[in-house]
PDB file of N, CA and C in Angstrom:
ATOM      1  N   MET A   1      69.639 -19.722  47.255  1.00  0.00           N
ATOM      2  CA  MET A   1      69.951 -18.895  46.091  1.00  0.00           C
ATOM      3  C   MET A   1      69.886 -19.707  44.799  1.00  0.00           C
ATOM      4  N   ILE A   2      69.675 -21.014  44.903  1.00  0.00           N
ATOM      5  CA  ILE A   2      69.605 -21.838  43.689  1.00  0.00           C
ATOM      6  C   ILE A   2      68.239 -21.735  43.011  1.00  0.00           C
ATOM      7  N   LYS A   3      67.200 -21.417  43.781  1.00  0.00           N
ATOM      8  CA  LYS A   3      65.845 -21.377  43.232  1.00  0.00           C
ATOM      9  C   LYS A   3      65.702 -20.402  42.053  1.00  0.00           C
ATOM     10  N   PRO A   4      66.240 -19.179  42.120  1.00  0.00           N
ATOM     11  CA  PRO A   4      66.105 -18.286  40.961  1.00  0.00           C
ATOM     12  C   PRO A   4      66.773 -18.849  39.703  1.00  0.00           C
ATOM     13  N   TRP A   5      67.865 -19.577  39.879  1.00  0.00           N
ATOM     14  CA  TRP A   5      68.543 -20.169  38.724  1.00  0.00           C
ATOM     15  C   TRP A   5      67.697 -21.285  38.116  1.00  0.00           C
ATOM     16  N   ILE A   6      66.985 -22.000  38.959  1.00  0.00           N
ATOM     17  CA  ILE A   6      66.071 -23.032  38.447  1.00  0.00           C
ATOM     18  C   ILE A   6      64.956 -22.369  37.646  1.00  0.00           C
ATOM     19  N   TYR A   7      64.396 -21.278  38.183  1.00  0.00           N
ATOM     20  CA  TYR A   7      63.371 -20.542  37.440  1.00  0.00           C
ATOM     21  C   TYR A   7      63.919 -20.024  36.112  1.00  0.00           C
ATOM     22  N   LEU A   8      65.160 -19.582  36.124  1.00  0.00           N
ATOM     23  CA  LEU A   8      65.771 -19.077  34.895  1.00  0.00           C
ATOM     24  C   LEU A   8      65.907 -20.187  33.856  1.00  0.00           C
ATOM     25  N   PHE A   9      66.325 -21.364  34.289  1.00  0.00           N
ATOM     26  CA  PHE A   9      66.449 -22.485  33.356  1.00  0.00           C
ATOM     27  C   PHE A   9      65.074 -22.927  32.849  1.00  0.00           C
ATOM     28  N   ILE A  10      64.086 -22.956  33.730  1.00  0.00           N
ATOM     29  CA  ILE A  10      62.725 -23.310  33.304  1.00  0.00           C
ATOM     30  C   ILE A  10      62.207 -22.279  32.300  1.00  0.00           C
ATOM     31  N   ALA A  11      62.524 -21.002  32.540  1.00  0.00           N
ATOM     32  CA  ALA A  11      62.130 -19.956  31.586  1.00  0.00           C
ATOM     33  C   ALA A  11      62.754 -20.206  30.221  1.00  0.00           C
ATOM     34  N   SER A  12      64.002 -20.672  30.197  1.00  0.00           N
ATOM     35  CA  SER A  12      64.645 -20.945  28.905  1.00  0.00           C
ATOM     36  C   SER A  12      64.000 -22.144  28.210  1.00  0.00           C
ATOM     37  N   ILE A  13      63.495 -23.103  28.982  1.00  0.00           N
ATOM     38  CA  ILE A  13      62.752 -24.224  28.381  1.00  0.00           C
ATOM     39  C   ILE A  13      61.461 -23.699  27.755  1.00  0.00           C
ATOM     40  N   PHE A  14      60.755 -22.833  28.484  1.00  0.00           N
ATOM     41  CA  PHE A  14      59.530 -22.245  27.928  1.00  0.00           C
ATOM     42  C   PHE A  14      59.839 -21.376  26.707  1.00  0.00           C
ATOM     43  N   GLU A  15      60.957 -20.672  26.733  1.00  0.00           N
ATOM     44  CA  GLU A  15      61.366 -19.863  25.578  1.00  0.00           C
ATOM     45  C   GLU A  15      61.600 -20.752  24.363  1.00  0.00           C
ATOM     46  N   THR A  16      62.181 -21.918  24.583  1.00  0.00           N
ATOM     47  CA  THR A  16      62.400 -22.871  23.494  1.00  0.00           C
ATOM     48  C   THR A  16      61.063 -23.349  22.931  1.00  0.00           C
ATOM     49  N   GLY A  17      60.121 -23.670  23.814  1.00  0.00           N
ATOM     50  CA  GLY A  17      58.784 -24.052  23.355  1.00  0.00           C
ATOM     51  C   GLY A  17      58.114 -22.934  22.589  1.00  0.00           C
ATOM     52  N   TRP A  18      58.267 -21.704  23.067  1.00  0.00           N
ATOM     53  CA  TRP A  18      57.696 -20.540  22.391  1.00  0.00           C
ATOM     54  C   TRP A  18      58.302 -20.387  20.996  1.00  0.00           C
ATOM     55  N   THR A  19      59.617 -20.563  20.909  1.00  0.00           N
ATOM     56  CA  THR A  19      60.305 -20.444  19.622  1.00  0.00           C
ATOM     57  C   THR A  19      59.774 -21.449  18.616  1.00  0.00           C
ATOM     58  N   PHE A  20      59.613 -22.686  19.042  1.00  0.00           N
ATOM     59  CA  PHE A  20      59.141 -23.705  18.104  1.00  0.00           C
ATOM     60  C   PHE A  20      57.650 -23.587  17.825  1.00  0.00           C
ATOM     61  N   SER A  21      56.887 -22.969  18.714  1.00  0.00           N
ATOM     62  CA  SER A  21      55.480 -22.718  18.386  1.00  0.00           C
ATOM     63  C   SER A  21      55.390 -21.710  17.241  1.00  0.00           C
ATOM     64  N   LEU A  22      56.337 -20.772  17.191  1.00  0.00           N
ATOM     65  CA  LEU A  22      56.383 -19.828  16.067  1.00  0.00           C
ATOM     66  C   LEU A  22      56.672 -20.541  14.753  1.00  0.00           C
ATOM     67  N   LYS A  23      57.488 -21.578  14.822  1.00  0.00           N
ATOM     68  CA  LYS A  23      57.845 -22.336  13.623  1.00  0.00           C
ATOM     69  C   LYS A  23      56.606 -22.953  12.974  1.00  0.00           C
ATOM     70  N   TYR A  24      55.650 -23.373  13.800  1.00  0.00           N
ATOM     71  CA  TYR A  24      54.459 -24.056  13.292  1.00  0.00           C
ATOM     72  C   TYR A  24      53.246 -23.146  13.117  1.00  0.00           C
ATOM     73  N   MET A  25      53.316 -21.923  13.642  1.00  0.00           N
ATOM     74  CA  MET A  25      52.158 -21.037  13.573  1.00  0.00           C
ATOM     75  C   MET A  25      52.060 -20.390  12.195  1.00  0.00           C
ATOM     76  N   ASN A  26      50.847 -20.395  11.649  1.00  0.00           N
ATOM     77  CA  ASN A  26      50.588 -19.777  10.356  1.00  0.00           C
ATOM     78  C   ASN A  26      49.220 -19.109  10.452  1.00  0.00           C
ATOM     79  N   PHE A  27      49.216 -17.781  10.556  1.00  0.00           N
ATOM     80  CA  PHE A  27      47.965 -17.065  10.757  1.00  0.00           C
ATOM     81  C   PHE A  27      47.037 -17.162   9.552  1.00  0.00           C
ATOM     82  N   GLY A  28      47.597 -17.253   8.364  1.00  0.00           N
ATOM     83  CA  GLY A  28      46.765 -17.402   7.173  1.00  0.00           C
ATOM     84  C   GLY A  28      45.980 -18.703   7.204  1.00  0.00           C
ATOM     85  N   ARG A  29      46.673 -19.792   7.517  1.00  0.00           N
ATOM     86  CA  ARG A  29      45.990 -21.094   7.603  1.00  0.00           C
ATOM     87  C   ARG A  29      45.043 -21.144   8.795  1.00  0.00           C
ATOM     88  N   LEU A  30      45.407 -20.476   9.898  1.00  0.00           N
ATOM     89  CA  LEU A  30      44.519 -20.428  11.059  1.00  0.00           C
ATOM     90  C   LEU A  30      43.229 -19.693  10.707  1.00  0.00           C
ATOM     91  N   LYS A  31      43.358 -18.587   9.998  1.00  0.00           N
ATOM     92  CA  LYS A  31      42.175 -17.828   9.568  1.00  0.00           C
ATOM     93  C   LYS A  31      41.299 -18.682   8.655  1.00  0.00           C
ATOM     94  N   ASP A  32      41.916 -19.360   7.695  1.00  0.00           N
ATOM     95  CA  ASP A  32      41.158 -20.233   6.789  1.00  0.00           C
ATOM     96  C   ASP A  32      40.468 -21.360   7.553  1.00  0.00           C
ATOM     97  N   ALA A  33      41.182 -21.980   8.494  1.00  0.00           N
ATOM     98  CA  ALA A  33      40.601 -23.070   9.284  1.00  0.00           C
ATOM     99  C   ALA A  33      39.438 -22.562  10.125  1.00  0.00           C
ATOM    100  N   PHE A  34      39.568 -21.345  10.651  1.00  0.00           N
ATOM    101  CA  PHE A  34      38.502 -20.751  11.460  1.00  0.00           C
ATOM    102  C   PHE A  34      37.246 -20.533  10.624  1.00  0.00           C
ATOM    103  N   GLN A  35      37.435 -20.162   9.361  1.00  0.00           N
ATOM    104  CA  GLN A  35      36.295 -19.894   8.484  1.00  0.00           C
ATOM    105  C   GLN A  35      35.699 -21.167   7.886  1.00  0.00           C
ATOM    106  N   GLN A  36      36.501 -22.210   7.696  1.00  0.00           N
ATOM    107  CA  GLN A  36      36.047 -23.383   6.953  1.00  0.00           C
ATOM    108  C   GLN A  36      35.642 -24.569   7.819  1.00  0.00           C
ATOM    109  N   TYR A  37      36.168 -24.667   9.029  1.00  0.00           N
ATOM    110  CA  TYR A  37      35.943 -25.869   9.836  1.00  0.00           C
ATOM    111  C   TYR A  37      35.288 -25.513  11.165  1.00  0.00           C
ATOM    112  N   PRO A  38      34.559 -26.458  11.745  1.00  0.00           N
ATOM    113  CA  PRO A  38      34.031 -26.213  13.094  1.00  0.00           C
ATOM    114  C   PRO A  38      35.183 -26.109  14.101  1.00  0.00           C
ATOM    115  N   LEU A  39      34.916 -25.413  15.209  1.00  0.00           N
ATOM    116  CA  LEU A  39      35.969 -25.209  16.214  1.00  0.00           C
ATOM    117  C   LEU A  39      36.464 -26.520  16.802  1.00  0.00           C
ATOM    118  N   ILE A  40      35.612 -27.512  16.871  1.00  0.00           N
ATOM    119  CA  ILE A  40      36.034 -28.816  17.378  1.00  0.00           C
ATOM    120  C   ILE A  40      36.179 -29.751  16.182  1.00  0.00           C
ATOM    121  N   SER A  41      37.328 -29.629  15.543  1.00  0.00           N
ATOM    122  CA  SER A  41      37.648 -30.502  14.406  1.00  0.00           C
ATOM    123  C   SER A  41      39.155 -30.674  14.352  1.00  0.00           C
ATOM    124  N   LYS A  42      39.583 -31.752  13.744  1.00  0.00           N
ATOM    125  CA  LYS A  42      41.018 -32.021  13.640  1.00  0.00           C
ATOM    126  C   LYS A  42      41.710 -30.933  12.828  1.00  0.00           C
ATOM    127  N   GLU A  43      41.078 -30.516  11.741  1.00  0.00           N
ATOM    128  CA  GLU A  43      41.673 -29.512  10.857  1.00  0.00           C
ATOM    129  C   GLU A  43      41.898 -28.189  11.582  1.00  0.00           C
ATOM    130  N   PHE A  44      40.907 -27.778  12.390  1.00  0.00           N
ATOM    131  CA  PHE A  44      41.047 -26.532  13.137  1.00  0.00           C
ATOM    132  C   PHE A  44      42.091 -26.678  14.239  1.00  0.00           C
ATOM    133  N   SER A  45      42.076 -27.811  14.929  1.00  0.00           N
ATOM    134  CA  SER A  45      43.011 -28.039  16.040  1.00  0.00           C
ATOM    135  C   SER A  45      44.461 -27.988  15.586  1.00  0.00           C
ATOM    136  N   VAL A  46      44.739 -28.564  14.422  1.00  0.00           N
ATOM    137  CA  VAL A  46      46.113 -28.585  13.904  1.00  0.00           C
ATOM    138  C   VAL A  46      46.641 -27.166  13.721  1.00  0.00           C
ATOM    139  N   GLU A  47      45.779 -26.254  13.316  1.00  0.00           N
ATOM    140  CA  GLU A  47      46.200 -24.864  13.116  1.00  0.00           C
ATOM    141  C   GLU A  47      46.140 -24.049  14.405  1.00  0.00           C
ATOM    142  N   PHE A  48      45.296 -24.457  15.357  1.00  0.00           N
ATOM    143  CA  PHE A  48      45.089 -23.681  16.572  1.00  0.00           C
ATOM    144  C   PHE A  48      46.109 -23.994  17.665  1.00  0.00           C
ATOM    145  N   PHE A  49      46.596 -25.228  17.737  1.00  0.00           N
ATOM    146  CA  PHE A  49      47.518 -25.619  18.808  1.00  0.00           C
ATOM    147  C   PHE A  49      48.815 -24.808  18.830  1.00  0.00           C
ATOM    148  N   PRO A  50      49.413 -24.461  17.693  1.00  0.00           N
ATOM    149  CA  PRO A  50      50.606 -23.611  17.774  1.00  0.00           C
ATOM    150  C   PRO A  50      50.318 -22.246  18.414  1.00  0.00           C
ATOM    151  N   LEU A  51      49.133 -21.690  18.165  1.00  0.00           N
ATOM    152  CA  LEU A  51      48.771 -20.421  18.796  1.00  0.00           C
ATOM    153  C   LEU A  51      48.613 -20.598  20.305  1.00  0.00           C
ATOM    154  N   LEU A  52      47.985 -21.692  20.718  1.00  0.00           N
ATOM    155  CA  LEU A  52      47.876 -21.977  22.155  1.00  0.00           C
ATOM    156  C   LEU A  52      49.256 -22.157  22.783  1.00  0.00           C
ATOM    157  N   GLY A  53      50.139 -22.860  22.079  1.00  0.00           N
ATOM    158  CA  GLY A  53      51.505 -23.031  22.564  1.00  0.00           C
ATOM    159  C   GLY A  53      52.223 -21.704  22.689  1.00  0.00           C
ATOM    160  N   TYR A  54      52.043 -20.835  21.694  1.00  0.00           N
ATOM    161  CA  TYR A  54      52.647 -19.509  21.697  1.00  0.00           C
ATOM    162  C   TYR A  54      52.214 -18.736  22.944  1.00  0.00           C
ATOM    163  N   ILE A  55      50.925 -18.757  23.228  1.00  0.00           N
ATOM    164  CA  ILE A  55      50.401 -18.029  24.387  1.00  0.00           C
ATOM    165  C   ILE A  55      50.887 -18.668  25.689  1.00  0.00           C
ATOM    166  N   PHE A  56      50.730 -19.985  25.816  1.00  0.00           N
ATOM    167  CA  PHE A  56      51.120 -20.673  27.047  1.00  0.00           C
ATOM    168  C   PHE A  56      52.611 -20.512  27.325  1.00  0.00           C
ATOM    169  N   PHE A  57      53.452 -20.857  26.343  1.00  0.00           N
ATOM    170  CA  PHE A  57      54.895 -20.787  26.559  1.00  0.00           C
ATOM    171  C   PHE A  57      55.355 -19.352  26.789  1.00  0.00           C
ATOM    172  N   GLY A  58      54.738 -18.393  26.101  1.00  0.00           N
ATOM    173  CA  GLY A  58      55.107 -16.992  26.289  1.00  0.00           C
ATOM    174  C   GLY A  58      54.809 -16.497  27.693  1.00  0.00           C
ATOM    175  N   VAL A  59      53.610 -16.780  28.183  1.00  0.00           N
ATOM    176  CA  VAL A  59      53.219 -16.336  29.528  1.00  0.00           C
ATOM    177  C   VAL A  59      54.057 -17.048  30.593  1.00  0.00           C
ATOM    178  N   ALA A  60      54.235 -18.357  30.447  1.00  0.00           N
ATOM    179  CA  ALA A  60      55.030 -19.118  31.419  1.00  0.00           C
ATOM    180  C   ALA A  60      56.480 -18.637  31.432  1.00  0.00           C
ATOM    181  N   ASN A  61      57.018 -18.337  30.259  1.00  0.00           N
ATOM    182  CA  ASN A  61      58.379 -17.829  30.137  1.00  0.00           C
ATOM    183  C   ASN A  61      58.524 -16.505  30.877  1.00  0.00           C
ATOM    184  N   ILE A  62      57.605 -15.592  30.636  1.00  0.00           N
ATOM    185  CA  ILE A  62      57.676 -14.274  31.269  1.00  0.00           C
ATOM    186  C   ILE A  62      57.544 -14.399  32.790  1.00  0.00           C
ATOM    187  N   TYR A  63      56.657 -15.271  33.245  1.00  0.00           N
ATOM    188  CA  TYR A  63      56.493 -15.455  34.693  1.00  0.00           C
ATOM    189  C   TYR A  63      57.796 -15.958  35.325  1.00  0.00           C
ATOM    190  N   CYS A  64      58.347 -17.038  34.782  1.00  0.00           N
ATOM    191  CA  CYS A  64      59.574 -17.617  35.358  1.00  0.00           C
ATOM    192  C   CYS A  64      60.742 -16.640  35.270  1.00  0.00           C
ATOM    193  N   LEU A  65      60.825 -15.923  34.164  1.00  0.00           N
ATOM    194  CA  LEU A  65      61.905 -14.950  33.995  1.00  0.00           C
ATOM    195  C   LEU A  65      61.771 -13.816  35.011  1.00  0.00           C
ATOM    196  N   SER A  66      60.546 -13.357  35.242  1.00  0.00           N
ATOM    197  CA  SER A  66      60.357 -12.270  36.209  1.00  0.00           C
ATOM    198  C   SER A  66      60.698 -12.714  37.634  1.00  0.00           C
ATOM    199  N   VAL A  67      60.414 -13.969  37.967  1.00  0.00           N
ATOM    200  CA  VAL A  67      60.791 -14.490  39.289  1.00  0.00           C
ATOM    201  C   VAL A  67      62.319 -14.518  39.416  1.00  0.00           C
ATOM    202  N   ALA A  68      62.992 -14.978  38.367  1.00  0.00           N
ATOM    203  CA  ALA A  68      64.460 -15.044  38.396  1.00  0.00           C
ATOM    204  C   ALA A  68      65.082 -13.651  38.489  1.00  0.00           C
ATOM    205  N   PHE A  69      64.481 -12.663  37.818  1.00  0.00           N
ATOM    206  CA  PHE A  69      65.014 -11.295  37.832  1.00  0.00           C
ATOM    207  C   PHE A  69      65.020 -10.685  39.230  1.00  0.00           C
ATOM    208  N   LYS A  70      64.192 -11.174  40.115  1.00  0.00           N
ATOM    209  CA  LYS A  70      64.124 -10.598  41.455  1.00  0.00           C
ATOM    210  C   LYS A  70      65.378 -10.885  42.280  1.00  0.00           C
ATOM    211  N   ASP A  71      66.093 -11.970  41.979  1.00  0.00           N
ATOM    212  CA  ASP A  71      67.256 -12.347  42.782  1.00  0.00           C
ATOM    213  C   ASP A  71      68.571 -12.403  42.011  1.00  0.00           C
ATOM    214  N   ILE A  72      68.502 -12.400  40.693  1.00  0.00           N
ATOM    215  CA  ILE A  72      69.713 -12.461  39.871  1.00  0.00           C
ATOM    216  C   ILE A  72      69.851 -11.109  39.180  1.00  0.00           C
ATOM    217  N   PRO A  73      71.062 -10.545  39.121  1.00  0.00           N
ATOM    218  CA  PRO A  73      71.229  -9.287  38.395  1.00  0.00           C
ATOM    219  C   PRO A  73      70.662  -9.414  36.972  1.00  0.00           C
ATOM    220  N   THR A  74      69.949  -8.398  36.545  1.00  0.00           N
ATOM    221  CA  THR A  74      69.203  -8.460  35.289  1.00  0.00           C
ATOM    222  C   THR A  74      70.078  -8.807  34.097  1.00  0.00           C
ATOM    223  N   ALA A  75      71.215  -8.163  33.956  1.00  0.00           N
ATOM    224  CA  ALA A  75      72.083  -8.432  32.805  1.00  0.00           C
ATOM    225  C   ALA A  75      72.581  -9.875  32.816  1.00  0.00           C
ATOM    226  N   THR A  76      72.945 -10.359  33.985  1.00  0.00           N
ATOM    227  CA  THR A  76      73.405 -11.750  34.101  1.00  0.00           C
ATOM    228  C   THR A  76      72.274 -12.711  33.772  1.00  0.00           C
ATOM    229  N   ALA A  77      71.107 -12.465  34.351  1.00  0.00           N
ATOM    230  CA  ALA A  77      69.957 -13.345  34.100  1.00  0.00           C
ATOM    231  C   ALA A  77      69.591 -13.356  32.625  1.00  0.00           C
ATOM    232  N   LEU A  78      69.586 -12.194  32.007  1.00  0.00           N
ATOM    233  CA  LEU A  78      69.231 -12.110  30.589  1.00  0.00           C
ATOM    234  C   LEU A  78      70.253 -12.838  29.720  1.00  0.00           C
ATOM    235  N   ALA A  79      71.527 -12.691  30.043  1.00  0.00           N
ATOM    236  CA  ALA A  79      72.575 -13.371  29.273  1.00  0.00           C
ATOM    237  C   ALA A  79      72.463 -14.888  29.413  1.00  0.00           C
ATOM    238  N   VAL A  80      72.268 -15.367  30.630  1.00  0.00           N
ATOM    239  CA  VAL A  80      72.173 -16.813  30.863  1.00  0.00           C
ATOM    240  C   VAL A  80      70.908 -17.368  30.223  1.00  0.00           C
ATOM    241  N   TRP A  81      69.798 -16.657  30.357  1.00  0.00           N
ATOM    242  CA  TRP A  81      68.522 -17.093  29.766  1.00  0.00           C
ATOM    243  C   TRP A  81      68.632 -17.201  28.244  1.00  0.00           C
ATOM    244  N   THR A  82      69.216 -16.190  27.632  1.00  0.00           N
ATOM    245  CA  THR A  82      69.385 -16.202  26.178  1.00  0.00           C
ATOM    246  C   THR A  82      70.294 -17.344  25.750  1.00  0.00           C
ATOM    247  N   ALA A  83      71.390 -17.525  26.462  1.00  0.00           N
ATOM    248  CA  ALA A  83      72.337 -18.587  26.112  1.00  0.00           C
ATOM    249  C   ALA A  83      71.711 -19.966  26.281  1.00  0.00           C
ATOM    250  N   CYS A  84      71.026 -20.182  27.390  1.00  0.00           N
ATOM    251  CA  CYS A  84      70.368 -21.484  27.607  1.00  0.00           C
ATOM    252  C   CYS A  84      69.317 -21.741  26.538  1.00  0.00           C
ATOM    253  N   SER A  85      68.544 -20.719  26.211  1.00  0.00           N
ATOM    254  CA  SER A  85      67.525 -20.870  25.169  1.00  0.00           C
ATOM    255  C   SER A  85      68.159 -21.214  23.833  1.00  0.00           C
ATOM    256  N   LEU A  86      69.231 -20.528  23.502  1.00  0.00           N
ATOM    257  CA  LEU A  86      69.927 -20.788  22.242  1.00  0.00           C
ATOM    258  C   LEU A  86      70.451 -22.218  22.187  1.00  0.00           C
ATOM    259  N   ILE A  87      71.041 -22.668  23.267  1.00  0.00           N
ATOM    260  CA  ILE A  87      71.579 -24.034  23.306  1.00  0.00           C
ATOM    261  C   ILE A  87      70.451 -25.059  23.196  1.00  0.00           C
ATOM    262  N   LEU A  88      69.352 -24.833  23.899  1.00  0.00           N
ATOM    263  CA  LEU A  88      68.227 -25.770  23.825  1.00  0.00           C
ATOM    264  C   LEU A  88      67.621 -25.811  22.424  1.00  0.00           C
ATOM    265  N   VAL A  89      67.495 -24.654  21.794  1.00  0.00           N
ATOM    266  CA  VAL A  89      66.969 -24.618  20.419  1.00  0.00           C
ATOM    267  C   VAL A  89      67.904 -25.374  19.486  1.00  0.00           C
ATOM    268  N   LYS A  90      69.198 -25.165  19.640  1.00  0.00           N
ATOM    269  CA  LYS A  90      70.169 -25.863  18.786  1.00  0.00           C
ATOM    270  C   LYS A  90      70.105 -27.372  19.013  1.00  0.00           C
ATOM    271  N   LEU A  91      70.049 -27.797  20.272  1.00  0.00           N
ATOM    272  CA  LEU A  91      69.951 -29.232  20.565  1.00  0.00           C
ATOM    273  C   LEU A  91      68.675 -29.833  19.978  1.00  0.00           C
ATOM    274  N   PHE A  92      67.579 -29.101  20.089  1.00  0.00           N
ATOM    275  CA  PHE A  92      66.319 -29.581  19.521  1.00  0.00           C
ATOM    276  C   PHE A  92      66.430 -29.683  18.003  1.00  0.00           C
ATOM    277  N   ASP A  93      67.046 -28.677  17.381  1.00  0.00           N
ATOM    278  CA  ASP A  93      67.255 -28.719  15.922  1.00  0.00           C
ATOM    279  C   ASP A  93      68.070 -29.943  15.514  1.00  0.00           C
ATOM    280  N   VAL A  94      69.137 -30.199  16.236  1.00  0.00           N
ATOM    281  CA  VAL A  94      70.044 -31.294  15.870  1.00  0.00           C
ATOM    282  C   VAL A  94      69.402 -32.655  16.113  1.00  0.00           C
ATOM    283  N   PHE A  95      68.798 -32.843  17.283  1.00  0.00           N
ATOM    284  CA  PHE A  95      68.316 -34.179  17.632  1.00  0.00           C
ATOM    285  C   PHE A  95      66.894 -34.472  17.165  1.00  0.00           C
ATOM    286  N   TYR A  96      66.052 -33.457  17.034  1.00  0.00           N
ATOM    287  CA  TYR A  96      64.679 -33.708  16.603  1.00  0.00           C
ATOM    288  C   TYR A  96      64.511 -33.483  15.104  1.00  0.00           C
ATOM    289  N   TYR A  97      65.020 -32.348  14.622  1.00  0.00           N
ATOM    290  CA  TYR A  97      64.868 -32.026  13.202  1.00  0.00           C
ATOM    291  C   TYR A  97      66.014 -32.552  12.349  1.00  0.00           C
ATOM    292  N   LYS A  98      67.007 -33.146  12.990  1.00  0.00           N
ATOM    293  CA  LYS A  98      68.159 -33.736  12.292  1.00  0.00           C
ATOM    294  C   LYS A  98      68.903 -32.698  11.447  1.00  0.00           C
ATOM    295  N   THR A  99      68.993 -31.479  11.966  1.00  0.00           N
ATOM    296  CA  THR A  99      69.747 -30.426  11.301  1.00  0.00           C
ATOM    297  C   THR A  99      71.233 -30.730  11.433  1.00  0.00           C
ATOM    298  N   PRO A 100      71.969 -30.684  10.336  1.00  0.00           N
ATOM    299  CA  PRO A 100      73.401 -30.983  10.446  1.00  0.00           C
ATOM    300  C   PRO A 100      74.129 -29.919  11.271  1.00  0.00           C
ATOM    301  N   THR A 101      75.176 -30.351  11.937  1.00  0.00           N
ATOM    302  CA  THR A 101      76.005 -29.436  12.716  1.00  0.00           C
ATOM    303  C   THR A 101      77.463 -29.745  12.408  1.00  0.00           C
ATOM    304  N   ASN A 102      78.351 -28.865  12.820  1.00  0.00           N
ATOM    305  CA  ASN A 102      79.771 -29.099  12.568  1.00  0.00           C
ATOM    306  C   ASN A 102      80.575 -28.801  13.827  1.00  0.00           C
ATOM    307  N   LEU A 103      81.845 -29.093  13.757  1.00  0.00           N
ATOM    308  CA  LEU A 103      82.721 -28.951  14.918  1.00  0.00           C
ATOM    309  C   LEU A 103      82.803 -27.505  15.402  1.00  0.00           C
ATOM    310  N   ALA A 104      82.788 -26.554  14.486  1.00  0.00           N
ATOM    311  CA  ALA A 104      82.858 -25.147  14.882  1.00  0.00           C
ATOM    312  C   ALA A 104      81.640 -24.758  15.722  1.00  0.00           C
ATOM    313  N   GLU A 105      80.450 -25.215  15.316  1.00  0.00           N
ATOM    314  CA  GLU A 105      79.249 -24.913  16.094  1.00  0.00           C
ATOM    315  C   GLU A 105      79.328 -25.534  17.489  1.00  0.00           C
ATOM    316  N   VAL A 106      79.801 -26.754  17.566  1.00  0.00           N
ATOM    317  CA  VAL A 106      79.951 -27.421  18.867  1.00  0.00           C
ATOM    318  C   VAL A 106      80.938 -26.646  19.737  1.00  0.00           C
ATOM    319  N   PHE A 107      82.037 -26.201  19.149  1.00  0.00           N
ATOM    320  CA  PHE A 107      83.038 -25.428  19.884  1.00  0.00           C
ATOM    321  C   PHE A 107      82.434 -24.140  20.442  1.00  0.00           C
ATOM    322  N   PHE A 108      81.725 -23.396  19.601  1.00  0.00           N
ATOM    323  CA  PHE A 108      81.176 -22.124  20.058  1.00  0.00           C
ATOM    324  C   PHE A 108      80.024 -22.311  21.047  1.00  0.00           C
ATOM    325  N   MET A 109      79.260 -23.370  20.903  1.00  0.00           N
ATOM    326  CA  MET A 109      78.229 -23.671  21.901  1.00  0.00           C
ATOM    327  C   MET A 109      78.878 -24.010  23.242  1.00  0.00           C
ATOM    328  N   SER A 110      80.010 -24.706  23.202  1.00  0.00           N
ATOM    329  CA  SER A 110      80.699 -25.027  24.456  1.00  0.00           C
ATOM    330  C   SER A 110      81.252 -23.756  25.109  1.00  0.00           C
ATOM    331  N   LEU A 111      81.647 -22.772  24.308  1.00  0.00           N
ATOM    332  CA  LEU A 111      82.067 -21.487  24.877  1.00  0.00           C
ATOM    333  C   LEU A 111      80.898 -20.804  25.587  1.00  0.00           C
ATOM    334  N   ILE A 112      79.707 -20.931  25.012  1.00  0.00           N
ATOM    335  CA  ILE A 112      78.526 -20.367  25.661  1.00  0.00           C
ATOM    336  C   ILE A 112      78.291 -21.051  27.002  1.00  0.00           C
ATOM    337  N   VAL A 113      78.443 -22.367  27.044  1.00  0.00           N
ATOM    338  CA  VAL A 113      78.269 -23.111  28.300  1.00  0.00           C
ATOM    339  C   VAL A 113      79.289 -22.642  29.336  1.00  0.00           C
ATOM    340  N   VAL A 114      80.536 -22.460  28.928  1.00  0.00           N
ATOM    341  CA  VAL A 114      81.569 -21.959  29.844  1.00  0.00           C
ATOM    342  C   VAL A 114      81.175 -20.573  30.348  1.00  0.00           C
ATOM    343  N   GLY A 115      80.651 -19.731  29.473  1.00  0.00           N
ATOM    344  CA  GLY A 115      80.191 -18.405  29.879  1.00  0.00           C
ATOM    345  C   GLY A 115      79.061 -18.468  30.886  1.00  0.00           C
ATOM    346  N   ILE A 116      78.123 -19.381  30.678  1.00  0.00           N
ATOM    347  CA  ILE A 116      77.006 -19.543  31.617  1.00  0.00           C
ATOM    348  C   ILE A 116      77.528 -19.957  32.991  1.00  0.00           C
ATOM    349  N   ILE A 117      78.434 -20.918  33.006  1.00  0.00           N
ATOM    350  CA  ILE A 117      79.006 -21.385  34.278  1.00  0.00           C
ATOM    351  C   ILE A 117      79.739 -20.238  34.973  1.00  0.00           C
ATOM    352  N   GLY A 118      80.511 -19.479  34.211  1.00  0.00           N
ATOM    353  CA  GLY A 118      81.228 -18.341  34.785  1.00  0.00           C
ATOM    354  C   GLY A 118      80.287 -17.282  35.336  1.00  0.00           C
ATOM    355  N   LEU A 119      79.230 -16.965  34.595  1.00  0.00           N
ATOM    356  CA  LEU A 119      78.276 -15.966  35.073  1.00  0.00           C
ATOM    357  C   LEU A 119      77.566 -16.432  36.339  1.00  0.00           C
ATOM    358  N   LYS A 120      77.226 -17.707  36.389  1.00  0.00           N
ATOM    359  CA  LYS A 120      76.551 -18.224  37.582  1.00  0.00           C
ATOM    360  C   LYS A 120      77.500 -18.222  38.779  1.00  0.00           C
ATOM    361  N   LYS A 121      78.734 -18.645  38.539  1.00  0.00           N
ATOM    362  CA  LYS A 121      79.699 -18.752  39.637  1.00  0.00           C
ATOM    363  C   LYS A 121      80.080 -17.381  40.197  1.00  0.00           C
ATOM    364  N   TYR A 122      80.226 -16.391  39.324  1.00  0.00           N
ATOM    365  CA  TYR A 122      80.717 -15.091  39.769  1.00  0.00           C
ATOM    366  C   TYR A 122      79.647 -14.005  39.786  1.00  0.00           C
ATOM    367  N   ALA A 123      78.376 -14.391  39.720  1.00  0.00           N
ATOM    368  CA  ALA A 123      77.294 -13.401  39.772  1.00  0.00           C
ATOM    369  C   ALA A 123      77.313 -12.696  41.124  1.00  0.00           C
ATOM    370  N   ALA A 124      77.108 -11.391  41.081  1.00  0.00           N
ATOM    371  CA  ALA A 124      77.055 -10.618  42.327  1.00  0.00           C
ATOM    372  C   ALA A 124      75.848 -11.059  43.136  1.00  0.00           C
ATOM    373  N   SER A 125      76.055 -11.238  44.423  1.00  0.00           N
ATOM    374  CA  SER A 125      74.953 -11.695  45.292  1.00  0.00           C
ATOM    375  C   SER A 125      74.166 -10.522  45.814  1.00  0.00           C
TER     376      SER A 125
END
């Protein structure tokens, strides 16, 4: 019964990748790069990779999430997936982008972790 939870956590990692691919995606610049540069060029690649990430992470996320939904109650799986994704995005913001955080945010993130543990422990089988 641990395998669906692993898929759920992997889905939240892919969701985090999908979220950050949105941060870097710019369709206006992608359109301009498509019109101005050859397809195999550094300028085009810089604008195209976020779109590839968006597609890859989105499809991988949906696949892993659908596998997890088969064995975990949908509401529980969705709550845990959202919470894990939120925590991973916040950790990435803090440690990679050096976004400031405060004690209140840490406290409320820890409440989310407690909720995840509770949902996993008491999920209906």
